[in-house]
C-alpha atoms as a PDB file:
ATOM      1  CA  MET A   1      -6.030  12.424  -9.931  1.00  0.00           C
ATOM      2  CA  ILE A   2      -4.728  10.343  -6.995  1.00  0.00           C
ATOM      3  CA  ASP A   3      -5.481  11.318  -3.408  1.00  0.00           C
ATOM      4  CA  VAL A   4      -4.072   9.054  -0.687  1.00  0.00           C
ATOM      5  CA  ASP A   5      -4.654   9.728   3.006  1.00  0.00           C
ATOM      6  CA  LYS A   6      -2.999   7.673   5.774  1.00  0.00           C
ATOM      7  CA  LEU A   7      -3.113   4.567   3.603  1.00  0.00           C
ATOM      8  CA  THR A   8      -2.054   1.432   5.483  1.00  0.00           C
ATOM      9  CA  ARG A   9      -1.855  -2.187   4.380  1.00  0.00           C
ATOM     10  CA  ARG A  10      -0.828  -5.006   6.699  1.00  0.00           C
ATOM     11  CA  PHE A  11      -0.206  -8.675   6.033  1.00  0.00           C
ATOM     12  CA  GLY A  12      -0.602 -10.293   9.425  1.00  0.00           C
ATOM     13  CA  ALA A  13       1.972  -8.737  11.726  1.00  0.00           C
ATOM     14  CA  ARG A  14       3.898  -7.162   8.846  1.00  0.00           C
ATOM     15  CA  THR A  15       3.065  -3.611   7.791  1.00  0.00           C
ATOM     16  CA  ALA A  16       3.844  -3.210   4.090  1.00  0.00           C
ATOM     17  CA  VAL A  17       2.392   0.302   3.713  1.00  0.00           C
ATOM     18  CA  ASP A  18       2.336   2.589   6.734  1.00  0.00           C
ATOM     19  CA  GLU A  19       0.032   5.644   6.678  1.00  0.00           C
ATOM     20  CA  LEU A  20       1.055   6.990   3.267  1.00  0.00           C
ATOM     21  CA  THR A  21      -0.297  10.427   2.410  1.00  0.00           C
ATOM     22  CA  PHE A  22       0.250  12.045  -0.984  1.00  0.00           C
ATOM     23  CA  THR A  23      -1.553  13.521  -3.987  1.00  0.00           C
ATOM     24  CA  VAL A  24      -0.872  13.320  -7.710  1.00  0.00           C
ATOM     25  CA  PRO A  25      -2.544  16.117  -9.732  1.00  0.00           C
ATOM     26  CA  ARG A  26      -3.789  15.581 -13.266  1.00  0.00           C
ATOM     27  CA  GLY A  27      -1.271  15.822 -16.072  1.00  0.00           C
ATOM     28  CA  GLN A  28       1.874  14.911 -14.142  1.00  0.00           C
ATOM     29  CA  ILE A  29       4.329  12.067 -14.692  1.00  0.00           C
ATOM     30  CA  VAL A  30       5.279  11.004 -11.175  1.00  0.00           C
ATOM     31  CA  GLY A  31       8.050   8.568 -10.301  1.00  0.00           C
ATOM     32  CA  PHE A  32       7.278   6.268  -7.367  1.00  0.00           C
ATOM     33  CA  LEU A  33      10.584   5.058  -5.927  1.00  0.00           C
ATOM     34  CA  GLY A  34      11.791   2.865  -3.123  1.00  0.00           C
ATOM     35  CA  PRO A  35      14.151  -0.007  -2.325  1.00  0.00           C
ATOM     36  CA  ASN A  36      12.963  -3.580  -2.749  1.00  0.00           C
ATOM     37  CA  GLY A  37      10.341  -4.299  -0.124  1.00  0.00           C
ATOM     38  CA  ALA A  38       9.527  -0.613   0.421  1.00  0.00           C
ATOM     39  CA  GLY A  39       5.816  -1.127  -0.333  1.00  0.00           C
ATOM     40  CA  LYS A  40       5.632   0.171  -3.909  1.00  0.00           C
ATOM     41  CA  SER A  41       3.836  -2.769  -5.517  1.00  0.00           C
ATOM     42  CA  THR A  42       1.470  -3.111  -2.557  1.00  0.00           C
ATOM     43  CA  THR A  43       0.531   0.558  -2.881  1.00  0.00           C
ATOM     44  CA  LEU A  44      -0.147   0.143  -6.601  1.00  0.00           C
ATOM     45  CA  LYS A  45      -2.303  -2.929  -5.984  1.00  0.00           C
ATOM     46  CA  VAL A  46      -4.404  -0.970  -3.479  1.00  0.00           C
ATOM     47  CA  LEU A  47      -4.756   1.981  -5.864  1.00  0.00           C
ATOM     48  CA  SER A  48      -5.791  -0.289  -8.728  1.00  0.00           C
ATOM     49  CA  GLY A  49      -8.329  -2.250  -6.672  1.00  0.00           C
ATOM     50  CA  PHE A  50      -6.468  -5.561  -6.404  1.00  0.00           C
ATOM     51  CA  LEU A  51      -6.006  -5.252  -2.628  1.00  0.00           C
ATOM     52  CA  PRO A  52      -8.168  -3.496  -0.031  1.00  0.00           C
ATOM     53  CA  PRO A  53      -6.411  -1.186   2.417  1.00  0.00           C
ATOM     54  CA  THR A  54      -6.234  -2.134   6.067  1.00  0.00           C
ATOM     55  CA  SER A  55      -6.989   1.484   6.967  1.00  0.00           C
ATOM     56  CA  GLY A  56      -6.862   4.928   5.424  1.00  0.00           C
ATOM     57  CA  THR A  57      -8.311   5.990   2.086  1.00  0.00           C
ATOM     58  CA  ALA A  58      -7.314   6.219  -1.546  1.00  0.00           C
ATOM     59  CA  ARG A  59      -9.280   8.039  -4.223  1.00  0.00           C
ATOM     60  CA  ILE A  60      -8.902   7.976  -7.995  1.00  0.00           C
ATOM     61  CA  GLY A  61     -10.522  11.096  -9.354  1.00  0.00           C
ATOM     62  CA  ASP A  62     -13.609  11.499  -7.194  1.00  0.00           C
ATOM     63  CA  HIS A  63     -13.988   7.785  -6.454  1.00  0.00           C
ATOM     64  CA  ASP A  64     -12.912   5.866  -3.369  1.00  0.00           C
ATOM     65  CA  VAL A  65     -11.087   2.678  -4.388  1.00  0.00           C
ATOM     66  CA  VAL A  66     -13.140   0.644  -1.892  1.00  0.00           C
ATOM     67  CA  GLU A  67     -16.571   2.275  -1.809  1.00  0.00           C
ATOM     68  CA  ALA A  68     -16.651   2.979  -5.575  1.00  0.00           C
ATOM     69  CA  SER A  69     -14.177   0.404  -6.815  1.00  0.00           C
ATOM     70  CA  LEU A  70     -15.632  -0.089 -10.296  1.00  0.00           C
ATOM     71  CA  GLU A  71     -15.851   3.647 -10.998  1.00  0.00           C
ATOM     72  CA  ALA A  72     -12.272   4.157  -9.757  1.00  0.00           C
ATOM     73  CA  ARG A  73     -10.920   1.292 -11.867  1.00  0.00           C
ATOM     74  CA  ARG A  74     -12.545   2.716 -15.001  1.00  0.00           C
ATOM     75  CA  LEU A  75     -10.183   5.672 -14.662  1.00  0.00           C
ATOM     76  CA  ILE A  76      -7.070   3.472 -14.501  1.00  0.00           C
ATOM     77  CA  GLY A  77      -4.921   1.782 -17.092  1.00  0.00           C
ATOM     78  CA  TYR A  78      -2.808  -0.605 -15.028  1.00  0.00           C
ATOM     79  CA  MET A  79       0.344  -2.362 -16.182  1.00  0.00           C
ATOM     80  CA  PRO A  80       1.532  -4.730 -13.416  1.00  0.00           C
ATOM     81  CA  GLU A  81       5.135  -5.842 -13.210  1.00  0.00           C
ATOM     82  CA  SER A  82       4.181  -9.292 -14.512  1.00  0.00           C
ATOM     83  CA  PHE A  83       1.111  -8.877 -16.683  1.00  0.00           C
ATOM     84  CA  PRO A  84      -0.832 -11.879 -17.998  1.00  0.00           C
ATOM     85  CA  VAL A  85      -0.889 -12.555 -21.733  1.00  0.00           C
ATOM     86  CA  TYR A  86      -2.163 -15.326 -23.987  1.00  0.00           C
ATOM     87  CA  PRO A  87       0.919 -16.350 -26.004  1.00  0.00           C
ATOM     88  CA  GLU A  88      -1.154 -18.165 -28.638  1.00  0.00           C
ATOM     89  CA  MET A  89      -3.115 -15.021 -29.543  1.00  0.00           C
ATOM     90  CA  ARG A  90      -1.992 -12.444 -32.093  1.00  0.00           C
ATOM     91  CA  VAL A  91      -1.263  -8.963 -30.777  1.00  0.00           C
ATOM     92  CA  ASP A  92      -4.325  -7.276 -32.287  1.00  0.00           C
ATOM     93  CA  GLU A  93      -6.556 -10.197 -31.231  1.00  0.00           C
ATOM     94  CA  TYR A  94      -5.294 -10.005 -27.680  1.00  0.00           C
ATOM     95  CA  LEU A  95      -5.891  -6.251 -27.500  1.00  0.00           C
ATOM     96  CA  ARG A  96      -9.402  -6.572 -28.978  1.00  0.00           C
ATOM     97  CA  PHE A  97     -10.122  -9.223 -26.329  1.00  0.00           C
ATOM     98  CA  ARG A  98      -8.852  -6.923 -23.574  1.00  0.00           C
ATOM     99  CA  ALA A  99     -10.819  -3.973 -24.981  1.00  0.00           C
ATOM    100  CA  GLU A 100     -13.997  -6.073 -24.926  1.00  0.00           C
ATOM    101  CA  ILE A 101     -13.413  -7.034 -21.293  1.00  0.00           C
ATOM    102  CA  LYS A 102     -12.984  -3.350 -20.448  1.00  0.00           C
ATOM    103  CA  GLY A 103     -16.234  -2.408 -22.172  1.00  0.00           C
ATOM    104  CA  VAL A 104     -14.678  -0.367 -24.980  1.00  0.00           C
ATOM    105  CA  ARG A 105     -17.299   0.375 -27.648  1.00  0.00           C
ATOM    106  CA  ASP A 106     -15.307   1.147 -30.776  1.00  0.00           C
ATOM    107  CA  ARG A 107     -12.763  -1.600 -30.222  1.00  0.00           C
ATOM    108  CA  LYS A 108     -11.201  -1.451 -33.684  1.00  0.00           C
ATOM    109  CA  ALA A 109     -10.318   2.238 -33.347  1.00  0.00           C
ATOM    110  CA  ALA A 110      -9.228   1.826 -29.716  1.00  0.00           C
ATOM    111  CA  VAL A 111      -6.881  -1.044 -30.546  1.00  0.00           C
ATOM    112  CA  ALA A 112      -5.395   0.837 -33.509  1.00  0.00           C
ATOM    113  CA  ARG A 113      -4.769   3.881 -31.277  1.00  0.00           C
ATOM    114  CA  ALA A 114      -3.241   1.769 -28.486  1.00  0.00           C
ATOM    115  CA  MET A 115      -0.903  -0.028 -30.892  1.00  0.00           C
ATOM    116  CA  GLU A 116       0.183   3.260 -32.404  1.00  0.00           C
ATOM    117  CA  LEU A 117       0.845   4.835 -29.004  1.00  0.00           C
ATOM    118  CA  ALA A 118       2.836   1.791 -27.857  1.00  0.00           C
ATOM    119  CA  ASP A 119       4.612   1.583 -31.222  1.00  0.00           C
ATOM    120  CA  ILE A 120       3.629  -2.027 -31.947  1.00  0.00           C
ATOM    121  CA  THR A 121       1.592  -1.621 -35.144  1.00  0.00           C
ATOM    122  CA  ASP A 122       4.333  -3.415 -37.072  1.00  0.00           C
ATOM    123  CA  VAL A 123       3.823  -6.611 -35.021  1.00  0.00           C
ATOM    124  CA  SER A 124       0.024  -6.534 -34.878  1.00  0.00           C
ATOM    125  CA  ARG A 125      -0.314  -9.943 -36.580  1.00  0.00           C
ATOM    126  CA  ARG A 126       2.483 -11.652 -34.674  1.00  0.00           C
ATOM    127  CA  LEU A 127       1.764 -14.183 -31.945  1.00  0.00           C
ATOM    128  CA  VAL A 128       2.349 -12.642 -28.529  1.00  0.00           C
ATOM    129  CA  GLY A 129       4.410 -15.652 -27.489  1.00  0.00           C
ATOM    130  CA  GLU A 130       6.876 -15.047 -30.322  1.00  0.00           C
ATOM    131  CA  LEU A 131       7.661 -11.459 -29.378  1.00  0.00           C
ATOM    132  CA  SER A 132      10.835 -10.211 -27.733  1.00  0.00           C
ATOM    133  CA  LYS A 133      10.726  -9.021 -24.122  1.00  0.00           C
ATOM    134  CA  GLY A 134      10.666  -5.396 -25.276  1.00  0.00           C
ATOM    135  CA  TYR A 135       7.696  -5.897 -27.568  1.00  0.00           C
ATOM    136  CA  LYS A 136       5.824  -7.873 -24.904  1.00  0.00           C
ATOM    137  CA  GLN A 137       6.293  -4.948 -22.508  1.00  0.00           C
ATOM    138  CA  ARG A 138       4.854  -2.629 -25.135  1.00  0.00           C
ATOM    139  CA  VAL A 139       1.873  -4.957 -25.585  1.00  0.00           C
ATOM    140  CA  GLY A 140       1.289  -4.586 -21.846  1.00  0.00           C
ATOM    141  CA  LEU A 141       1.448  -0.822 -22.238  1.00  0.00           C
ATOM    142  CA  ALA A 142      -1.024  -0.938 -25.149  1.00  0.00           C
ATOM    143  CA  ASP A 143      -3.333  -2.977 -22.911  1.00  0.00           C
ATOM    144  CA  ALA A 144      -3.092  -0.224 -20.265  1.00  0.00           C
ATOM    145  CA  VAL A 145      -4.066   2.544 -22.716  1.00  0.00           C
ATOM    146  CA  VAL A 146      -6.645   0.716 -24.862  1.00  0.00           C
ATOM    147  CA  ALA A 147      -9.603   1.992 -22.820  1.00  0.00           C
ATOM    148  CA  LYS A 148      -8.308   5.598 -22.846  1.00  0.00           C
ATOM    149  CA  ALA A 149      -8.106   5.705 -19.062  1.00  0.00           C
ATOM    150  CA  PRO A 150      -6.902   9.134 -17.886  1.00  0.00           C
ATOM    151  CA  LEU A 151      -4.550   7.589 -15.294  1.00  0.00           C
ATOM    152  CA  LEU A 152      -1.811   5.092 -16.154  1.00  0.00           C
ATOM    153  CA  ILE A 153      -0.274   3.101 -13.297  1.00  0.00           C
ATOM    154  CA  LEU A 154       2.887   1.373 -14.482  1.00  0.00           C
ATOM    155  CA  ASP A 155       4.807  -1.060 -12.272  1.00  0.00           C
ATOM    156  CA  GLU A 156       8.427  -1.587 -13.386  1.00  0.00           C
ATOM    157  CA  PRO A 157       7.538  -1.206 -17.087  1.00  0.00           C
ATOM    158  CA  THR A 158      11.144  -1.492 -18.320  1.00  0.00           C
ATOM    159  CA  GLU A 159      12.146  -4.471 -16.180  1.00  0.00           C
ATOM    160  CA  GLY A 160      14.334  -6.836 -18.196  1.00  0.00           C
ATOM    161  CA  LEU A 161      14.690  -4.594 -21.253  1.00  0.00           C
ATOM    162  CA  ASP A 162      18.001  -3.902 -22.954  1.00  0.00           C
ATOM    163  CA  PRO A 163      19.334  -0.301 -23.140  1.00  0.00           C
ATOM    164  CA  ASN A 164      17.932   0.374 -26.613  1.00  0.00           C
ATOM    165  CA  GLN A 165      14.518  -0.957 -25.617  1.00  0.00           C
ATOM    166  CA  ILE A 166      14.559   1.196 -22.476  1.00  0.00           C
ATOM    167  CA  LEU A 167      15.319   4.330 -24.494  1.00  0.00           C
ATOM    168  CA  ARG A 168      12.445   3.587 -26.878  1.00  0.00           C
ATOM    169  CA  PHE A 169      10.111   2.854 -23.977  1.00  0.00           C
ATOM    170  CA  ARG A 170      10.968   6.207 -22.390  1.00  0.00           C
ATOM    171  CA  GLU A 171      10.027   7.981 -25.604  1.00  0.00           C
ATOM    172  CA  VAL A 172       6.668   6.205 -25.553  1.00  0.00           C
ATOM    173  CA  ILE A 173       6.070   7.188 -21.906  1.00  0.00           C
ATOM    174  CA  GLN A 174       6.883  10.841 -22.631  1.00  0.00           C
ATOM    175  CA  ALA A 175       4.434  10.831 -25.545  1.00  0.00           C
ATOM    176  CA  LEU A 176       1.723   9.267 -23.374  1.00  0.00           C
ATOM    177  CA  GLY A 177       2.315  11.940 -20.742  1.00  0.00           C
ATOM    178  CA  LYS A 178       0.764  14.504 -23.088  1.00  0.00           C
ATOM    179  CA  GLU A 179      -2.620  12.783 -22.753  1.00  0.00           C
ATOM    180  CA  HIS A 180      -2.457  10.887 -19.455  1.00  0.00           C
ATOM    181  CA  THR A 181      -1.474  11.271 -15.826  1.00  0.00           C
ATOM    182  CA  ILE A 182       1.242   8.658 -15.254  1.00  0.00           C
ATOM    183  CA  PHE A 183       2.211   7.052 -11.942  1.00  0.00           C
ATOM    184  CA  LEU A 184       5.432   5.176 -12.629  1.00  0.00           C
ATOM    185  CA  SER A 185       6.913   2.723 -10.143  1.00  0.00           C
ATOM    186  CA  THR A 186      10.521   1.794 -10.861  1.00  0.00           C
ATOM    187  CA  HIS A 187      13.901   1.238  -9.254  1.00  0.00           C
ATOM    188  CA  ILE A 188      15.767   2.627 -12.292  1.00  0.00           C
ATOM    189  CA  LEU A 189      16.594   6.154 -11.160  1.00  0.00           C
ATOM    190  CA  SER A 190      17.845   7.365 -14.533  1.00  0.00           C
ATOM    191  CA  GLU A 191      14.428   6.466 -15.924  1.00  0.00           C
ATOM    192  CA  VAL A 192      12.730   8.800 -13.452  1.00  0.00           C
ATOM    193  CA  GLU A 193      15.169  11.616 -14.209  1.00  0.00           C
ATOM    194  CA  ALA A 194      14.498  11.162 -17.918  1.00  0.00           C
ATOM    195  CA  VAL A 195      10.682  11.232 -17.906  1.00  0.00           C
ATOM    196  CA  CYS A 196       9.270  12.405 -14.552  1.00  0.00           C
ATOM    197  CA  SER A 197       8.538  15.911 -13.306  1.00  0.00           C
ATOM    198  CA  HIS A 198       7.761  14.835  -9.734  1.00  0.00           C
ATOM    199  CA  VAL A 199       8.889  12.025  -7.468  1.00  0.00           C
ATOM    200  CA  ILE A 200       7.729  10.187  -4.355  1.00  0.00           C
ATOM    201  CA  ILE A 201      10.339   8.132  -2.490  1.00  0.00           C
ATOM    202  CA  ILE A 202       9.189   5.594   0.096  1.00  0.00           C
ATOM    203  CA  HIS A 203      11.150   3.408   2.488  1.00  0.00           C
ATOM    204  CA  LYS A 204       9.789   0.666   4.740  1.00  0.00           C
ATOM    205  CA  GLY A 205       6.237   1.666   3.878  1.00  0.00           C
ATOM    206  CA  LYS A 206       6.671   5.351   4.741  1.00  0.00           C
ATOM    207  CA  ILE A 207       7.324   8.416   2.617  1.00  0.00           C
ATOM    208  CA  ALA A 208      10.911   9.644   2.785  1.00  0.00           C
ATOM    209  CA  THR A 209      10.232  12.651   0.561  1.00  0.00           C
ATOM    210  CA  ALA A 210       7.873  13.853  -2.179  1.00  0.00           C
ATOM    211  CA  GLY A 211       7.820  16.815  -4.514  1.00  0.00           C
ATOM    212  CA  PRO A 212       9.144  18.262  -7.773  1.00  0.00           C
ATOM    213  CA  LEU A 213      12.289  16.484  -8.913  1.00  0.00           C
ATOM    214  CA  ASP A 214      14.490  19.584  -8.652  1.00  0.00           C
ATOM    215  CA  ALA A 215      13.220  20.331  -5.148  1.00  0.00           C
ATOM    216  CA  VAL A 216      13.893  16.771  -4.002  1.00  0.00           C
ATOM    217  CA  ARG A 217      17.447  16.970  -5.380  1.00  0.00           C
ATOM    218  CA  ALA A 218      18.017  20.203  -3.432  1.00  0.00           C
ATOM    219  CA  GLU A 219      16.464  18.956  -0.188  1.00  0.00           C
ATOM    220  CA  LEU A 220      19.549  17.414   1.386  1.00  0.00           C
ATOM    221  CA  SER A 221      21.861  20.211   0.301  1.00  0.00           C
ATOM    222  CA  GLY A 222      19.862  22.851   2.134  1.00  0.00           C
ATOM    223  CA  GLY A 223      18.885  24.514  -1.125  1.00  0.00           C
ATOM    224  CA  ALA A 224      22.513  24.909  -2.212  1.00  0.00           C
ATOM    225  CA  ARG A 225      24.018  23.691  -5.470  1.00  0.00           C
ATOM    226  CA  GLU A 226      27.506  23.293  -6.835  1.00  0.00           C
ATOM    227  CA  VAL A 227      28.963  25.307  -9.723  1.00  0.00           C
ATOM    228  CA  SER A 228      32.248  24.747 -11.544  1.00  0.00           C
ATOM    229  CA  LEU A 229      34.092  27.690 -13.104  1.00  0.00           C
ATOM    230  CA  VAL A 230      37.130  28.033 -15.333  1.00  0.00           C
ATOM    231  CA  LEU A 231      38.720  31.438 -14.743  1.00  0.00           C
ATOM    232  CA  ALA A 232      41.670  33.195 -16.389  1.00  0.00           C
ATOM    233  CA  PRO A 233      43.487  35.675 -14.091  1.00  0.00           C
ATOM    234  CA  LYS A 234      45.472  38.475 -15.685  1.00  0.00           C
ATOM    235  CA  ALA A 235      49.156  37.732 -16.241  1.00  0.00           C
ATOM    236  CA  SER A 236      50.196  40.179 -13.481  1.00  0.00           C
ATOM    237  CA  ALA A 237      48.129  38.233 -10.913  1.00  0.00           C
ATOM    238  CA  ARG A 238      48.959  34.669 -11.940  1.00  0.00           C
ATOM    239  CA  ASP A 239      51.856  34.247  -9.518  1.00  0.00           C
ATOM    240  CA  ALA A 240      49.611  35.057  -6.552  1.00  0.00           C
ATOM    241  CA  TRP A 241      46.976  32.616  -7.767  1.00  0.00           C
ATOM    242  CA  ALA A 242      49.559  29.911  -8.398  1.00  0.00           C
ATOM    243  CA  ALA A 243      50.906  30.310  -4.854  1.00  0.00           C
ATOM    244  CA  ASP A 244      47.547  29.810  -3.138  1.00  0.00           C
ATOM    245  CA  ALA A 245      44.570  29.567  -5.484  1.00  0.00           C
ATOM    246  CA  PRO A 246      41.979  28.675  -2.766  1.00  0.00           C
ATOM    247  CA  LYS A 247      42.900  31.766  -0.693  1.00  0.00           C
ATOM    248  CA  ALA A 248      42.954  34.010  -3.762  1.00  0.00           C
ATOM    249  CA  MET A 249      39.511  32.745  -4.759  1.00  0.00           C
ATOM    250  CA  ARG A 250      38.098  33.252  -1.262  1.00  0.00           C
ATOM    251  CA  ASP A 251      39.503  36.782  -1.263  1.00  0.00           C
ATOM    252  CA  ALA A 252      37.894  37.421  -4.654  1.00  0.00           C
ATOM    253  CA  VAL A 253      34.394  36.468  -3.464  1.00  0.00           C
ATOM    254  CA  GLU A 254      34.713  37.636   0.150  1.00  0.00           C
ATOM    255  CA  GLY A 255      31.442  39.015   1.467  1.00  0.00           C
ATOM    256  CA  LEU A 256      29.382  37.588  -1.376  1.00  0.00           C
ATOM    257  CA  ASP A 257      26.210  36.132   0.173  1.00  0.00           C
ATOM    258  CA  GLY A 258      25.424  32.489  -0.465  1.00  0.00           C
ATOM    259  CA  VAL A 259      28.791  31.555  -2.002  1.00  0.00           C
ATOM    260  CA  THR A 260      31.272  29.095  -0.458  1.00  0.00           C
ATOM    261  CA  VAL A 261      34.520  28.085  -2.155  1.00  0.00           C
ATOM    262  CA  VAL A 262      34.930  24.290  -2.100  1.00  0.00           C
ATOM    263  CA  ARG A 263      38.256  24.050  -3.970  1.00  0.00           C
ATOM    264  CA  ALA A 264      40.398  25.977  -6.434  1.00  0.00           C
ATOM    265  CA  ILE A 265      43.363  24.823  -8.516  1.00  0.00           C
ATOM    266  CA  MET A 266      45.690  26.901 -10.690  1.00  0.00           C
ATOM    267  CA  ALA A 267      46.922  24.984 -13.757  1.00  0.00           C
ATOM    268  CA  ASP A 268      47.914  25.911 -17.315  1.00  0.00           C
ATOM    269  CA  ALA A 269      47.266  29.630 -16.727  1.00  0.00           C
ATOM    270  CA  VAL A 270      43.645  29.054 -15.681  1.00  0.00           C
ATOM    271  CA  VAL A 271      41.941  28.512 -12.341  1.00  0.00           C
ATOM    272  CA  ARG A 272      39.493  25.623 -12.005  1.00  0.00           C
ATOM    273  CA  VAL A 273      37.090  26.358  -9.183  1.00  0.00           C
ATOM    274  CA  GLU A 274      34.241  24.518  -7.483  1.00  0.00           C
ATOM    275  CA  VAL A 275      31.895  26.573  -5.331  1.00  0.00           C
ATOM    276  CA  LYS A 276      28.639  25.973  -3.508  1.00  0.00           C
ATOM    277  CA  VAL A 277      25.987  28.635  -4.068  1.00  0.00           C
ATOM    278  CA  SER A 278      22.545  29.242  -2.633  1.00  0.00           C
ATOM    279  CA  SER A 279      19.487  28.301  -4.676  1.00  0.00           C
ATOM    280  CA  GLU A 280      18.568  31.940  -5.316  1.00  0.00           C
ATOM    281  CA  ALA A 281      18.311  32.674  -9.038  1.00  0.00           C
ATOM    282  CA  ASP A 282      20.794  35.577  -8.962  1.00  0.00           C
ATOM    283  CA  ALA A 283      23.491  33.848  -6.872  1.00  0.00           C
ATOM    284  CA  VAL A 284      25.423  32.551  -9.893  1.00  0.00           C
ATOM    285  CA  GLU A 285      25.082  35.900 -11.687  1.00  0.00           C
ATOM    286  CA  ALA A 286      26.493  37.690  -8.637  1.00  0.00           C
ATOM    287  CA  LEU A 287      29.374  35.206  -8.509  1.00  0.00           C
ATOM    288  CA  VAL A 288      30.258  35.759 -12.173  1.00  0.00           C
ATOM    289  CA  ALA A 289      30.024  39.542 -11.763  1.00  0.00           C
ATOM    290  CA  ARG A 290      32.374  39.428  -8.771  1.00  0.00           C
ATOM    291  CA  CYS A 291      34.911  37.335 -10.710  1.00  0.00           C
ATOM    292  CA  VAL A 292      34.833  39.760 -13.637  1.00  0.00           C
ATOM    293  CA  GLY A 293      35.273  42.657 -11.208  1.00  0.00           C
ATOM    294  CA  ALA A 294      38.351  40.897  -9.795  1.00  0.00           C
ATOM    295  CA  SER A 295      39.935  40.852 -13.288  1.00  0.00           C
ATOM    296  CA  LEU A 296      39.222  37.169 -13.783  1.00  0.00           C
ATOM    297  CA  GLY A 297      38.157  36.217 -17.270  1.00  0.00           C
ATOM    298  CA  VAL A 298      35.226  33.787 -17.022  1.00  0.00           C
ATOM    299  CA  ARG A 299      35.664  31.022 -19.603  1.00  0.00           C
ATOM    300  CA  GLU A 300      33.197  28.424 -18.357  1.00  0.00           C
ATOM    301  CA  VAL A 301      30.345  28.206 -15.835  1.00  0.00           C
ATOM    302  CA  THR A 302      28.852  24.744 -15.260  1.00  0.00           C
ATOM    303  CA  PRO A 303      26.074  24.170 -12.677  1.00  0.00           C
ATOM    304  CA  HIS A 304      25.849  20.682 -11.163  1.00  0.00           C
ATOM    305  CA  GLY A 305      22.604  19.295  -9.758  1.00  0.00           C
ATOM    306  CA  ARG A 306      22.638  16.475  -7.226  1.00  0.00           C
ATOM    307  CA  SER A 307      22.035  13.143  -8.883  1.00  0.00           C
ATOM    308  CA  LEU A 308      18.813  11.377  -7.986  1.00  0.00           C
ATOM    309  CA  GLU A 309      20.914   8.330  -7.170  1.00  0.00           C
ATOM    310  CA  ASN A 310      22.715  10.223  -4.386  1.00  0.00           C
ATOM    311  CA  VAL A 311      19.475  11.722  -3.106  1.00  0.00           C
ATOM    312  CA  PHE A 312      17.786   8.320  -3.104  1.00  0.00           C
ATOM    313  CA  HIS A 313      20.643   6.718  -1.178  1.00  0.00           C
ATOM    314  CA  GLU A 314      20.832   9.470   1.422  1.00  0.00           C
ATOM    315  CA  LEU A 315      17.080   9.700   1.933  1.00  0.00           C
ATOM    316  CA  THR A 316      16.509   5.976   2.308  1.00  0.00           C
ATOM    317  CA  THR A 317      19.545   5.664   4.579  1.00  0.00           C
ATOM    318  CA  ARG A 318      18.321   8.546   6.684  1.00  0.00           C
ATOM    319  CA  ALA A 319      14.799   7.095   6.733  1.00  0.00           C
ATOM    320  CA  ALA A 320      16.211   3.855   8.103  1.00  0.00           C
ATOM    321  CA  GLU A 321      17.947   5.745  10.922  1.00  0.00           C
ATOM    322  CA  HIS A 322      15.232   8.313  11.689  1.00  0.00           C
ATOM    323  CA  PRO A 323      11.461   7.894  11.244  1.00  0.00           C
ATOM    324  CA  PRO A 324      10.424  10.196   8.337  1.00  0.00           C
ATOM    325  CA  THR A 325       7.925  12.995   8.468  1.00  0.00           C
ATOM    326  CA  GLN A 326       5.072  12.373   6.031  1.00  0.00           C
ATOM    327  CA  LYS A 327       4.847  14.859   3.176  1.00  0.00           C
ATOM    328  CA  GLU A 328       1.350  15.874   2.209  1.00  0.00           C
ATOM    329  CA  SER A 329       1.713  16.145  -1.527  1.00  0.00           C
ATOM    330  CA  ALA A 330       3.745  15.262  -4.547  1.00  0.00           C
ATOM    331  CA  ALA A 331       2.683  18.520  -6.170  1.00  0.00           C
END
């Protein structure tokens, strides 16, 4: 749906976007992340036809955003960070006006569908200027979907919303993802974890990483992940575990490929253990089997994925220290 190749945009001597290369296939919800000033909004403006690139190419569907700008823009529903509204117009009037500008034929049906998708039917006759921030954001989203564009480009859609409004907005985005490809720019990492399947992180105009969310989380840990266990050694072995639980745990899993004991503590007749395991699907099963074979009752097994917040911090910090290698695809 989006195909970007060595996209660059300069403003005088400043390079805002520096040879970005990535693809977004149809049907995905992709989070586009980066610190302030990373080049996110500039990239979105190029993709949506508001700014021409300095060099490189960007295609929406089969259409180049420069050579076939009108055709490319017909495929996009764009919600900028600060979208223009007419506060003196009623919600349904404003959306009918926007639908007419976009060349929508059956405007009545299109507006009704857009209001339903954005969950604003109940305020259809209210003046836009009288709406809360959350409802205004949803009006902007309805504007983006009114022409049934297959691609939605959303720039900071939950900026300024309260927690309840953010939760409702996420539900709307997830529902829209069933019918649209969504390219979501935001600095709220929990939002990406809640709704996105893939992520692209940029820093200083360059890509730091791109790929499926789980793969990006695992990138800095070398494919390893942490697992917490609560184990119950037999009464006859508790003294040995109490004396040196880390050593006893290492002895229990000695020779087991892809397992490293991080810490172990004996307390209240149980052992609480944190281990690092390889990303192979059977690594945790092998760990549990070894514990059972060592006469350790397994009471709990809790896998822990790296938080996107930690990944984001480490990647952007590393990108600042070392020039990143461009990733070819977000797929």
